[in-house]
């Protein structure tokens, strides 16, 4: 029996990040209900990114869900709304009651709870729903784009969608090349 595939992640290279916030804007538009940026602004619709660029010790760092393999949010969710599925940590919004337990345990602080904007005005609650990076699953399906919106929008390619199995293979090949190169220059006494 094979083990489940590791979750894909968004990798951010702080050395390349300009802090331009293009990733945030692209994320907000991708999750904006099918409206373009111009339409959302004209209709005064809220644009809420599921990522954020943080400045820490003078370094810009895009932050979003790390798609944890042993996700604390999935462990604490009383309704099962947070769960591992299809190579990522998902939130089934219909099951979310907005209790914020996921927000409290997220080690990266990247889960928010927002009032459901489609709720009835006479509703006795806010109908809060947890939101986090979903790797732009719906947006990618709708647009045919292979990368999440933040990856596609980054002008310096500081953000990448990483399949960890492919990453590990590339890392092994790179280290093997380094070893082979050093071996060629090694004195014969060690051969």
Protein backbone atom coordinates (compact mmCIF):
# COMPACT_ATOMS: atom_id res chain seq x y z
CA UNK A 1 0.00 0.00 0.00
CA UNK A 2 1.46 3.35 -1.00
CA UNK A 3 1.56 6.30 1.33
CA UNK A 4 -0.42 9.43 0.43
CA UNK A 5 1.33 12.00 -1.71
CA UNK A 6 2.79 14.97 0.17
CA UNK A 7 0.91 18.24 -0.05
CA UNK A 8 2.12 20.73 -2.61
CA UNK A 9 3.22 24.05 -1.13
CA UNK A 10 3.78 27.62 -2.15
CA UNK A 11 7.48 28.40 -1.75
CA UNK A 12 8.47 32.03 -1.35
CA UNK A 13 12.05 33.19 -1.91
CA UNK A 14 12.57 36.23 0.32
CA UNK A 15 15.71 37.15 -1.64
CA UNK A 16 13.59 37.76 -4.74
CA UNK A 17 10.53 39.40 -3.14
CA UNK A 18 10.21 43.12 -3.91
CA UNK A 19 7.29 43.65 -1.55
CA UNK A 20 5.14 44.84 -4.47
CA UNK A 21 2.02 43.05 -3.14
CA UNK A 22 1.13 41.81 -6.65
CA UNK A 23 0.59 38.36 -5.13
CA UNK A 24 -1.94 39.74 -2.63
CA UNK A 25 -3.87 41.60 -5.31
CA UNK A 26 -3.91 38.58 -7.63
CA UNK A 27 -5.12 36.37 -4.78
CA UNK A 28 -7.89 38.81 -3.85
CA UNK A 29 -9.09 39.03 -7.45
CA UNK A 30 -8.90 35.25 -7.91
CA UNK A 31 -11.19 34.84 -4.89
CA UNK A 32 -13.38 37.84 -5.73
CA UNK A 33 -16.34 35.98 -7.14
CA UNK A 34 -15.37 36.10 -10.80
CA UNK A 35 -15.05 39.88 -11.00
CA UNK A 36 -12.05 41.62 -12.51
CA UNK A 37 -10.17 44.16 -10.42
CA UNK A 38 -11.90 47.03 -12.21
CA UNK A 39 -15.35 45.48 -11.69
CA UNK A 40 -14.68 44.82 -8.01
CA UNK A 41 -13.58 48.42 -7.46
CA UNK A 42 -16.51 49.85 -9.46
CA UNK A 43 -19.00 47.67 -7.53
CA UNK A 44 -17.28 48.47 -4.21
CA UNK A 45 -16.81 44.75 -3.54
CA UNK A 46 -14.44 43.69 -0.77
CA UNK A 47 -11.23 42.16 -2.04
CA UNK A 48 -9.71 39.84 0.58
CA UNK A 49 -6.39 38.14 -0.21
CA UNK A 50 -5.60 34.81 1.41
CA UNK A 51 -1.93 35.68 1.57
CA UNK A 52 -0.01 38.67 2.85
CA UNK A 53 3.43 40.17 2.41
CA UNK A 54 5.11 40.73 5.77
CA UNK A 55 8.23 42.75 6.52
CA UNK A 56 10.36 41.06 9.19
CA UNK A 57 13.82 42.33 10.09
CA UNK A 58 13.97 44.29 6.84
CA UNK A 59 13.10 41.24 4.70
CA UNK A 60 9.90 40.96 2.65
CA UNK A 61 8.21 37.58 2.95
CA UNK A 62 4.97 36.44 1.29
CA UNK A 63 3.01 34.36 3.82
CA UNK A 64 0.22 31.90 3.12
CA UNK A 65 -0.93 28.47 4.24
CA UNK A 66 1.95 26.01 4.30
CA UNK A 67 -0.40 23.06 3.61
CA UNK A 68 0.92 21.24 6.71
CA UNK A 69 1.05 17.45 6.54
CA UNK A 70 -0.03 17.19 10.19
CA UNK A 71 -2.22 20.30 10.09
CA UNK A 72 -3.11 21.69 13.52
CA UNK A 73 -6.21 23.33 12.03
CA UNK A 74 -7.53 19.95 10.90
CA UNK A 75 -6.91 18.47 14.35
CA UNK A 76 -8.89 21.12 16.24
CA UNK A 77 -11.77 21.70 13.85
CA UNK A 78 -14.91 20.53 15.67
CA UNK A 79 -16.99 20.22 12.49
CA UNK A 80 -14.40 18.61 10.21
CA UNK A 81 -14.41 21.65 7.93
CA UNK A 82 -10.57 21.74 7.95
CA UNK A 83 -9.21 18.54 6.46
CA UNK A 84 -6.55 16.92 4.31
CA UNK A 85 -7.87 16.26 0.81
CA UNK A 86 -6.41 16.08 -2.68
CA UNK A 87 -2.84 17.03 -1.69
CA UNK A 88 -3.70 20.08 0.38
CA UNK A 89 -5.37 21.27 3.56
CA UNK A 90 -8.88 22.34 2.60
CA UNK A 91 -11.68 24.17 4.36
CA UNK A 92 -15.14 22.96 3.47
CA UNK A 93 -16.87 26.29 3.91
CA UNK A 94 -20.36 24.77 4.20
CA UNK A 95 -19.22 22.92 7.35
CA UNK A 96 -17.41 25.87 8.95
CA UNK A 97 -19.10 27.57 11.90
CA UNK A 98 -16.46 30.30 12.25
CA UNK A 99 -15.31 29.21 15.72
CA UNK A 100 -11.74 30.46 15.05
CA UNK A 101 -10.01 27.45 16.61
CA UNK A 102 -8.08 27.03 13.36
CA UNK A 103 -6.97 30.67 13.57
CA UNK A 104 -5.66 30.16 17.10
CA UNK A 105 -3.58 27.05 16.32
CA UNK A 106 -2.17 27.99 12.90
CA UNK A 107 1.61 28.28 13.49
CA UNK A 108 1.89 30.79 10.63
CA UNK A 109 -1.12 32.98 11.45
CA UNK A 110 -2.48 32.74 7.91
CA UNK A 111 -6.08 31.68 8.52
CA UNK A 112 -8.76 34.35 8.86
CA UNK A 113 -12.47 34.20 9.56
CA UNK A 114 -14.66 36.50 7.48
CA UNK A 115 -18.39 37.14 7.57
CA UNK A 116 -20.13 35.42 4.68
CA UNK A 117 -20.87 38.23 2.23
CA UNK A 118 -23.81 36.27 0.75
CA UNK A 119 -25.70 36.05 4.03
CA UNK A 120 -29.24 37.28 4.53
CA UNK A 121 -29.48 40.64 6.30
CA UNK A 122 -31.98 39.18 8.80
CA UNK A 123 -29.61 36.38 9.80
CA UNK A 124 -28.94 36.36 13.57
CA UNK A 125 -25.22 35.58 13.09
CA UNK A 126 -22.32 36.78 10.96
CA UNK A 127 -22.04 33.36 9.33
CA UNK A 128 -18.27 33.62 9.65
CA UNK A 129 -16.22 31.27 7.49
CA UNK A 130 -12.54 30.38 7.82
CA UNK A 131 -10.47 31.34 4.78
CA UNK A 132 -6.92 30.43 3.84
CA UNK A 133 -4.85 29.70 0.77
CA UNK A 134 -6.56 27.02 -1.28
CA UNK A 135 -3.88 27.02 -3.98
CA UNK A 136 -6.47 28.80 -6.17
CA UNK A 137 -8.15 25.49 -6.91
CA UNK A 138 -11.33 27.00 -8.41
CA UNK A 139 -9.52 29.84 -10.18
CA UNK A 140 -7.08 27.41 -11.77
CA UNK A 141 -9.92 25.20 -12.96
CA UNK A 142 -11.83 28.19 -14.37
CA UNK A 143 -8.85 29.81 -16.10
CA UNK A 144 -6.89 26.70 -17.08
CA UNK A 145 -3.83 28.19 -15.40
CA UNK A 146 -1.50 25.60 -13.88
CA UNK A 147 -0.21 27.95 -11.20
CA UNK A 148 -2.06 29.74 -8.41
CA UNK A 149 -2.78 33.44 -9.02
CA UNK A 150 0.01 34.62 -6.70
CA UNK A 151 2.60 32.57 -8.61
CA UNK A 152 1.33 33.81 -11.98
CA UNK A 153 1.37 37.45 -10.81
CA UNK A 154 4.81 37.59 -9.19
CA UNK A 155 7.07 39.72 -11.44
CA UNK A 156 10.31 38.31 -9.99
CA UNK A 157 9.18 34.66 -9.72
CA UNK A 158 9.79 34.81 -5.98
CA UNK A 159 6.75 32.58 -5.44
CA UNK A 160 6.49 29.04 -6.82
CA UNK A 161 4.11 26.12 -6.49
CA UNK A 162 6.34 23.26 -5.37
CA UNK A 163 5.73 19.55 -5.67
CA UNK A 164 8.00 18.28 -2.90
CA UNK A 165 8.78 14.98 -4.63
CA UNK A 166 10.05 16.84 -7.71
CA UNK A 167 11.89 19.34 -5.49
CA UNK A 168 13.64 16.54 -3.60
CA UNK A 169 14.68 14.84 -6.87
CA UNK A 170 16.11 18.11 -8.21
CA UNK A 171 17.96 18.68 -4.94
CA UNK A 172 19.47 15.18 -5.05
CA UNK A 173 20.58 15.71 -8.67
CA UNK A 174 22.18 19.05 -7.77
CA UNK A 175 24.06 17.55 -4.82
CA UNK A 176 25.16 14.58 -6.95
CA UNK A 177 26.58 17.01 -9.55
CA UNK A 178 28.47 18.85 -6.79
CA UNK A 179 29.88 15.60 -5.43
CA UNK A 180 30.82 14.37 -8.91
CA UNK A 181 32.58 17.65 -9.62
CA UNK A 182 34.52 17.54 -6.34
CA UNK A 183 35.36 13.88 -6.94
CA UNK A 184 37.02 14.73 -10.25
CA UNK A 185 39.36 17.08 -8.44
CA UNK A 186 40.05 14.76 -5.52
CA UNK A 187 43.56 13.30 -5.19
CA UNK A 188 43.83 9.66 -6.32
CA UNK A 189 44.86 8.58 -2.81
CA UNK A 190 41.20 8.56 -1.84
CA UNK A 191 40.02 6.66 -4.90
